[in-house]
Amino acid sequence: MGTAAGSIIRVASVPHSQVYIRHTGAVPGEPNPVVRLPDPDPRNPGQSTEATWWPPVMLDPAWIRENADGFDLMHIHFGFDAISPADLRAVTAELKAQGKPLVYTVHDLRNPHHLTPQAHDAQLDVLVSAADALITLTPGAADVVERRWGRRPQVLPHPHVVDLDELERRQSQRLAAGPRTQFRVGVHLKSLRPNMMDGAILPDLLDAVEQLPGAVLQVNGHPDILTPGGDKFRPDLHRWLTEAAAAGRLELQVRDYFDEPALWDYLSSLDVSVLPYRFGTHSGWLEACADLGTNVLAPSCGFYAQQRSAVTEFIHDEDGLDAQSLAAALKQVHASRHWSGLSREERTAERRRVAAAHEAIYRSLL
């Protein structure tokens, strides 16, 4: 039996301090009946934090027992990478013992940090089976969950990533600046997660960029992979990139993590951001691009193209890359690249729907 409309729902959110989770709540300034508990600080579990949440303190039977009076239900999103299936079963059993419903959002059907799927599959077996309600972001992911576990999640879109005020400001700037003469294509390798396979997409992407008038390829990567002596230094990739940059074929930027304003600056500077993944499921990066009016080229693995209609897909998965499909997709975006992104009004209305749907799911369980 659900709770009374308007009553406060206290959610032990795992985690809380993450942009997707924050933006599934009410639009700022509007009534907010759902309160997500701050993340306990792993360094001092008695304190809360808005910065550090890993490893998640809430995923512990002892925390659940000790804090059962302080929350109504638990909602797991991320953060269980290092937790064994046996320990996850203990968490779900304790929730049941305390009469606390569990909601699980299936963000990842494949963990992008794992070379093989087995460990994540075993964790999904526990969480998908134990959850009282399931959510995911795309119909394709819901189809996979239903096929594998016999349960169909509710599909809710990924909310905006860029704050609404900032989204509106940057879109206005982009529109005022008018069309660009240059067509800037960006690939951000970060620290090379396993699903990027050492930047294997780059040679074919560079060939495709060089076929388009006014096109420039910009490759960014962290110092740990592109600086000799770095923790994850990739000498072959470093050699190829530096030679191509020296020949004037691409622009190479080696820099550490972007803070938020710098990331929005970077994405806004691109006409298209290419996701170089060979496996995965959904993308928050893609959603930030949608906020900023940056086109996205996404691989056929996962369900990236189902997240937003403006995404252009090419064929790339664990079986390899279809270079012809990549070149065709890039050419298509080049021909019709002027897009301002999702408006503040669209994103606000969508966030209201997402927040209302979460509240309705929570109330139905309490």
Protein backbone atom coordinates (compact mmCIF):
# COMPACT_ATOMS: atom_id res chain seq x y z
CA MET A 1 0.00 0.00 0.00
CA GLY A 2 1.47 3.35 -1.07
CA THR A 3 2.20 6.33 1.17
CA ALA A 4 -0.02 9.38 1.30
CA ALA A 5 0.53 11.92 -1.48
CA GLY A 6 2.75 14.76 -0.31
CA SER A 7 4.37 12.85 2.55
CA ILE A 8 8.17 12.85 2.60
CA ILE A 9 9.96 9.77 1.23
CA ARG A 10 13.48 9.19 2.55
CA VAL A 11 15.69 7.36 0.07
CA ALA A 12 19.03 5.74 0.88
CA SER A 13 20.50 6.49 -2.52
CA VAL A 14 23.67 4.69 -3.64
CA PRO A 15 25.22 7.07 -4.39
CA HIS A 16 23.64 10.50 -3.94
CA SER A 17 26.48 12.77 -5.04
CA GLN A 18 26.27 12.02 -8.78
CA VAL A 19 24.69 14.21 -11.41
CA TYR A 20 22.18 11.68 -12.80
CA ILE A 21 20.83 10.96 -9.33
CA ARG A 22 20.64 14.60 -8.27
CA HIS A 23 18.75 15.47 -11.46
CA THR A 24 16.12 12.77 -10.99
CA GLY A 25 14.84 14.92 -8.13
CA ALA A 26 12.41 17.82 -8.36
CA VAL A 27 13.29 20.89 -10.44
CA PRO A 28 14.97 23.45 -8.13
CA GLY A 29 12.41 25.72 -6.49
CA GLU A 30 9.55 23.23 -6.90
CA PRO A 31 8.04 21.02 -4.14
CA ASN A 32 10.31 18.09 -3.36
CA PRO A 33 8.70 15.20 -1.48
CA VAL A 34 11.66 12.85 -2.14
CA VAL A 35 14.68 13.32 0.11
CA ARG A 36 17.80 11.39 -0.87
CA LEU A 37 20.17 10.93 2.05
CA PRO A 38 23.65 12.44 1.70
CA ASP A 39 26.44 9.93 1.08
CA PRO A 40 28.17 8.86 4.30
CA ASP A 41 31.86 9.68 4.08
CA PRO A 42 33.84 6.40 3.65
CA ARG A 43 36.71 7.97 5.63
CA ASN A 44 34.39 8.80 8.52
CA PRO A 45 31.06 6.94 8.17
CA GLY A 46 29.41 9.05 10.85
CA GLN A 47 29.74 12.14 8.64
CA SER A 48 28.04 12.95 5.35
CA THR A 49 29.80 14.25 2.26
CA GLU A 50 29.00 15.78 -1.10
CA ALA A 51 32.40 14.99 -2.60
CA THR A 52 33.58 11.49 -1.68
CA TRP A 53 31.21 8.53 -1.78
CA TRP A 54 33.41 5.61 -2.85
CA PRO A 55 33.27 2.94 -1.55
CA PRO A 56 29.58 3.35 -0.70
CA VAL A 57 29.07 3.00 3.04
CA MET A 58 25.36 2.22 2.62
CA LEU A 59 26.06 -1.11 0.90
CA ASP A 60 26.75 -2.83 4.19
CA PRO A 61 24.25 -4.90 6.23
CA ALA A 62 25.52 -3.28 9.44
CA TRP A 63 24.82 0.24 8.10
CA ILE A 64 21.32 -0.84 7.04
CA ARG A 65 20.58 -2.29 10.50
CA GLU A 66 21.94 0.71 12.35
CA ASN A 67 20.16 3.28 10.16
CA ALA A 68 16.90 1.48 9.39
CA ASP A 69 14.86 4.12 11.21
CA GLY A 70 16.37 6.86 9.04
CA PHE A 71 15.23 5.79 5.57
CA ASP A 72 12.16 4.30 3.86
CA LEU A 73 13.74 2.48 0.93
CA MET A 74 17.07 1.99 -0.83
CA HIS A 75 17.78 2.89 -4.46
CA ILE A 76 21.00 1.51 -5.97
CA HIS A 77 22.53 3.05 -9.08
CA PHE A 78 26.32 2.62 -9.08
CA GLY A 79 29.16 1.80 -6.74
CA PHE A 80 29.00 -1.97 -6.30
CA ASP A 81 31.94 -2.80 -8.61
CA ALA A 82 34.13 -4.14 -5.82
CA ILE A 83 31.36 -5.87 -3.85
CA SER A 84 31.07 -9.64 -4.25
CA PRO A 85 27.74 -11.25 -5.19
CA ALA A 86 27.70 -12.91 -1.77
CA ASP A 87 28.05 -9.54 -0.03
CA LEU A 88 25.35 -8.04 -2.27
CA ARG A 89 23.06 -10.92 -1.29
CA ALA A 90 23.72 -10.05 2.36
CA VAL A 91 22.76 -6.43 1.64
CA THR A 92 19.51 -7.39 -0.10
CA ALA A 93 18.67 -9.91 2.65
CA GLU A 94 19.16 -7.25 5.34
CA LEU A 95 16.92 -4.83 3.45
CA LYS A 96 14.20 -7.48 3.38
CA ALA A 97 14.71 -8.25 7.07
CA GLN A 98 14.26 -4.57 7.88
CA GLY A 99 11.21 -4.24 5.61
CA LYS A 100 12.96 -1.78 3.29
CA PRO A 101 12.09 -2.00 -0.43
CA LEU A 102 14.92 -1.98 -2.98
CA VAL A 103 14.84 -0.09 -6.29
CA TYR A 104 17.62 -0.75 -8.79
CA THR A 105 18.33 1.31 -11.91
CA VAL A 106 20.07 -0.78 -14.55
CA HIS A 107 22.51 1.77 -15.95
CA ASP A 108 25.08 -0.75 -17.19
CA LEU A 109 24.46 -4.18 -18.64
CA ARG A 110 28.22 -4.34 -19.26
CA ASN A 111 30.68 -2.70 -16.90
CA PRO A 112 32.90 -0.46 -19.08
CA HIS A 113 35.78 -0.97 -16.64
CA HIS A 114 35.77 -4.78 -16.95
CA LEU A 115 37.30 -6.60 -19.92
CA THR A 116 34.92 -9.53 -19.48
CA PRO A 117 31.25 -9.55 -18.44
CA GLN A 118 31.20 -12.38 -15.90
CA ALA A 119 31.78 -10.41 -12.68
CA HIS A 120 29.17 -7.76 -13.52
CA ASP A 121 26.72 -10.42 -14.69
CA ALA A 122 26.95 -12.15 -11.30
CA GLN A 123 26.23 -8.85 -9.53
CA LEU A 124 23.28 -8.17 -11.84
CA ASP A 125 21.88 -11.63 -11.07
CA VAL A 126 21.63 -10.59 -7.41
CA LEU A 127 20.35 -7.04 -7.83
CA VAL A 128 17.86 -7.59 -10.66
CA SER A 129 16.38 -10.61 -8.90
CA ALA A 130 16.16 -8.96 -5.47
CA ALA A 131 14.87 -5.52 -6.46
CA ASP A 132 11.25 -4.67 -5.75
CA ALA A 133 11.24 -2.28 -8.73
CA LEU A 134 13.54 -1.89 -11.73
CA ILE A 135 14.30 1.15 -13.88
CA THR A 136 16.46 1.52 -16.98
CA LEU A 137 17.09 4.24 -19.55
CA THR A 138 16.20 2.72 -22.92
CA PRO A 139 13.74 0.19 -24.40
CA GLY A 140 16.65 -1.91 -25.69
CA ALA A 141 18.13 -2.29 -22.22
CA ALA A 142 14.66 -3.14 -20.87
CA ASP A 143 14.36 -5.85 -23.56
CA VAL A 144 17.67 -7.39 -22.45
CA VAL A 145 16.66 -7.39 -18.78
CA GLU A 146 13.31 -8.98 -19.62
CA ARG A 147 14.95 -11.63 -21.80
CA ARG A 148 17.60 -12.52 -19.23
CA TRP A 149 15.70 -12.23 -15.96
CA GLY A 150 12.02 -12.31 -16.91
CA ARG A 151 11.36 -8.86 -15.44
CA ARG A 152 10.70 -5.67 -17.41
CA PRO A 153 12.07 -2.41 -15.95
CA GLN A 154 10.25 0.88 -16.31
CA VAL A 155 12.03 3.00 -18.94
CA LEU A 156 12.80 6.57 -17.86
CA PRO A 157 15.06 8.92 -19.82
CA HIS A 158 18.38 10.20 -18.54
CA PRO A 159 17.78 13.72 -17.18
CA HIS A 160 19.89 16.71 -18.15
CA VAL A 161 23.54 16.74 -17.03
CA VAL A 162 24.36 20.45 -17.35
CA ASP A 163 22.55 22.60 -14.77
CA LEU A 164 19.52 24.26 -16.33
CA ASP A 165 20.76 27.86 -15.94
CA GLU A 166 24.13 26.94 -17.44
CA LEU A 167 22.49 24.98 -20.26
CA GLU A 168 20.42 28.01 -21.25
CA ARG A 169 23.39 30.38 -21.03
CA ARG A 170 25.67 28.25 -23.18
CA GLN A 171 23.01 27.55 -25.80
CA SER A 172 22.36 31.30 -26.11
CA GLN A 173 26.10 31.88 -26.59
CA ARG A 174 26.29 29.21 -29.26
CA LEU A 175 23.31 30.58 -31.18
CA ALA A 176 24.67 34.15 -30.97
CA ALA A 177 28.05 33.03 -32.32
CA GLY A 178 26.43 31.69 -35.51
CA PRO A 179 27.64 28.86 -37.78
CA ARG A 180 31.29 27.83 -37.61
CA THR A 181 33.51 27.48 -40.64
CA GLN A 182 35.53 24.67 -39.03
CA PHE A 183 34.09 21.23 -38.25
CA ARG A 184 35.72 20.02 -35.05
CA VAL A 185 35.59 16.29 -34.25
CA GLY A 186 36.59 15.26 -30.72
CA VAL A 187 37.58 11.96 -29.13
CA HIS A 188 38.30 11.94 -25.42
CA LEU A 189 40.30 8.86 -24.41
CA LYS A 190 40.41 9.83 -20.71
CA SER A 191 42.47 7.06 -19.05
CA LEU A 192 41.48 4.40 -21.60
CA ARG A 193 38.83 2.27 -19.97
CA PRO A 194 38.92 -1.34 -21.21
CA ASN A 195 35.96 -0.68 -23.52
CA MET A 196 38.07 1.74 -25.60
CA MET A 197 40.65 -0.89 -26.65
CA ASP A 198 43.68 1.44 -26.78
CA GLY A 199 42.00 3.89 -29.13
CA ALA A 200 41.64 1.33 -31.94
CA ILE A 201 39.05 3.54 -33.65
CA LEU A 202 41.49 6.41 -34.25
CA PRO A 203 43.23 5.51 -37.57
CA ASP A 204 39.94 4.94 -39.40
CA LEU A 205 38.39 8.01 -37.77
CA LEU A 206 41.32 10.16 -38.88
CA ASP A 207 40.96 8.88 -42.45
CA ALA A 208 37.26 9.77 -42.35
CA VAL A 209 37.92 13.27 -40.94
CA GLU A 210 40.49 13.99 -43.64
CA GLN A 211 37.86 13.36 -46.33
CA LEU A 212 35.67 16.23 -45.10
CA PRO A 213 36.24 19.92 -45.94
CA GLY A 214 37.15 22.09 -42.96
CA ALA A 215 37.27 19.13 -40.57
CA VAL A 216 39.77 18.84 -37.71
CA LEU A 217 40.27 15.87 -35.37
CA GLN A 218 41.08 16.70 -31.75
CA VAL A 219 42.20 13.84 -29.49
CA ASN A 220 42.37 14.35 -25.72
CA GLY A 221 43.84 11.94 -23.20
CA HIS A 222 45.06 11.89 -19.63
CA PRO A 223 48.78 12.05 -18.77
CA ASP A 224 48.74 8.54 -17.26
CA ILE A 225 48.31 6.99 -20.73
CA LEU A 226 50.09 9.55 -22.93
CA THR A 227 53.13 10.58 -20.87
CA PRO A 228 56.22 8.32 -20.71
CA GLY A 229 56.42 6.99 -17.16
CA GLY A 230 52.66 7.33 -16.64
CA ASP A 231 50.87 4.63 -14.66
CA LYS A 232 49.10 3.28 -17.76
CA PHE A 233 51.47 4.55 -20.46
CA ARG A 234 50.61 3.22 -23.94
CA PRO A 235 53.81 3.61 -26.01
CA ASP A 236 52.29 2.54 -29.35
CA LEU A 237 49.32 4.87 -28.98
CA HIS A 238 51.59 7.69 -27.81
CA ARG A 239 53.87 7.20 -30.82
CA TRP A 240 51.01 7.14 -33.32
CA LEU A 241 49.33 10.23 -31.87
CA THR A 242 52.49 12.31 -31.57
CA GLU A 243 53.55 11.45 -35.12
CA ALA A 244 50.12 12.31 -36.50
CA ALA A 245 50.08 15.58 -34.51
CA ALA A 246 53.59 16.49 -35.67
CA ALA A 247 52.48 15.91 -39.27
CA GLY A 248 49.57 18.30 -38.75
CA ARG A 249 46.96 15.57 -39.23
CA LEU A 250 45.31 16.01 -35.80
CA GLU A 251 45.43 18.11 -32.65
CA LEU A 252 46.57 16.32 -29.49
CA GLN A 253 45.85 17.56 -25.97
CA VAL A 254 47.30 15.75 -22.96
CA ARG A 255 45.68 17.02 -19.80
CA ASP A 256 44.24 15.79 -16.52
CA TYR A 257 40.56 15.58 -15.58
CA PHE A 258 38.32 18.46 -16.63
CA ASP A 259 36.47 20.22 -13.87
CA GLU A 260 32.84 20.91 -14.76
CA PRO A 261 33.22 24.37 -16.38
CA ALA A 262 36.23 23.17 -18.39
CA LEU A 263 34.33 20.08 -19.54
CA TRP A 264 31.40 22.21 -20.74
CA ASP A 265 33.90 24.49 -22.53
CA TYR A 266 35.49 21.47 -24.22
CA LEU A 267 32.22 19.87 -25.33
CA SER A 268 30.85 23.22 -26.53
CA SER A 269 33.96 23.69 -28.69
CA LEU A 270 33.17 20.49 -30.64
CA ASP A 271 30.78 20.01 -33.51
CA VAL A 272 30.70 16.28 -32.83
CA SER A 273 31.96 14.06 -30.00
CA VAL A 274 32.79 10.49 -31.02
CA LEU A 275 32.27 7.75 -28.43
CA PRO A 276 35.05 5.19 -29.12
CA TYR A 277 33.51 2.32 -27.14
CA ARG A 278 33.44 -1.32 -28.22
CA PHE A 279 31.04 -2.33 -25.43
CA GLY A 280 28.82 -0.49 -22.98
CA THR A 281 25.18 0.41 -22.40
CA HIS A 282 24.32 4.07 -21.76
CA SER A 283 26.21 7.37 -21.56
CA GLY A 284 26.00 10.47 -19.39
CA TRP A 285 28.62 12.11 -21.66
CA LEU A 286 26.14 11.81 -24.51
CA GLU A 287 23.50 13.59 -22.42
CA ALA A 288 25.86 16.49 -21.65
CA CYS A 289 26.42 16.83 -25.39
CA ALA A 290 22.64 16.97 -25.91
CA ASP A 291 22.48 19.80 -23.36
CA LEU A 292 25.21 21.79 -25.13
CA GLY A 293 24.22 21.26 -28.77
CA THR A 294 27.17 18.99 -29.58
CA ASN A 295 26.39 16.17 -32.02
CA VAL A 296 27.30 12.63 -30.99
CA LEU A 297 28.61 9.70 -33.02
CA ALA A 298 27.89 6.56 -31.00
CA PRO A 299 28.77 2.90 -31.53
CA SER A 300 26.22 0.20 -32.25
CA CYS A 301 27.11 -1.67 -29.06
CA GLY A 302 24.82 -0.83 -26.17
CA PHE A 303 21.84 1.48 -26.58
CA TYR A 304 23.38 4.93 -27.00
CA ALA A 305 21.36 5.76 -30.12
CA GLN A 306 18.13 5.04 -28.22
CA GLN A 307 18.94 7.69 -25.62
CA ARG A 308 18.54 10.67 -27.97
CA SER A 309 17.21 10.99 -31.52
CA ALA A 310 20.07 13.34 -32.45
CA VAL A 311 22.68 10.58 -31.97
CA THR A 312 24.17 9.15 -35.18
CA GLU A 313 25.23 5.51 -34.98
CA PHE A 314 28.13 3.62 -36.57
CA ILE A 315 28.98 -0.07 -36.35
CA HIS A 316 31.50 -0.80 -33.60
CA ASP A 317 31.44 -3.58 -31.01
CA GLU A 318 33.65 -6.37 -29.71
CA ASP A 319 33.74 -7.93 -33.18
CA GLY A 320 35.42 -4.81 -34.54
CA LEU A 321 34.80 -1.52 -36.34
CA ASP A 322 33.07 -1.04 -39.67
CA ALA A 323 35.16 1.87 -41.01
CA GLN A 324 32.74 2.51 -43.86
CA SER A 325 29.83 3.00 -41.44
CA LEU A 326 31.95 5.37 -39.35
CA ALA A 327 32.86 7.49 -42.39
CA ALA A 328 29.22 7.55 -43.55
CA ALA A 329 27.96 8.58 -40.10
CA LEU A 330 30.54 11.37 -39.85
CA LYS A 331 29.67 12.60 -43.33
CA GLN A 332 25.98 12.67 -42.36
CA VAL A 333 26.66 14.81 -39.28
CA HIS A 334 28.97 17.09 -41.28
CA ALA A 335 26.14 17.78 -43.74
CA SER A 336 23.54 18.62 -41.07
CA ARG A 337 25.51 19.59 -38.00
CA HIS A 338 23.81 22.80 -36.92
CA TRP A 339 21.81 21.77 -33.87
CA SER A 340 21.25 23.84 -30.74
CA GLY A 341 20.62 20.88 -28.43
CA LEU A 342 17.71 20.19 -26.11
CA SER A 343 16.22 23.44 -24.81
CA ARG A 344 15.86 24.41 -21.17
CA GLU A 345 12.09 24.03 -21.54
CA GLU A 346 12.43 20.50 -22.95
CA ARG A 347 14.89 19.42 -20.27
CA THR A 348 12.81 20.98 -17.47
CA ALA A 349 9.63 19.23 -18.61
CA GLU A 350 11.52 15.95 -18.93
CA ARG A 351 13.00 16.31 -15.45
CA ARG A 352 9.54 16.89 -14.00
CA ARG A 353 8.34 13.66 -15.64
CA VAL A 354 11.36 11.71 -14.41
CA ALA A 355 11.00 13.04 -10.85
CA ALA A 356 7.26 12.27 -10.80
CA ALA A 357 7.86 8.75 -12.08
CA HIS A 358 10.46 8.07 -9.39
CA GLU A 359 8.12 9.38 -6.71
CA ALA A 360 5.29 7.19 -8.02
CA ILE A 361 7.52 4.09 -7.98
CA TYR A 362 8.65 4.83 -4.43
CA ARG A 363 5.10 5.41 -3.15
CA SER A 364 3.87 2.20 -4.75
CA LEU A 365 6.41 0.23 -2.67
CA LEU A 366 5.74 1.86 0.72
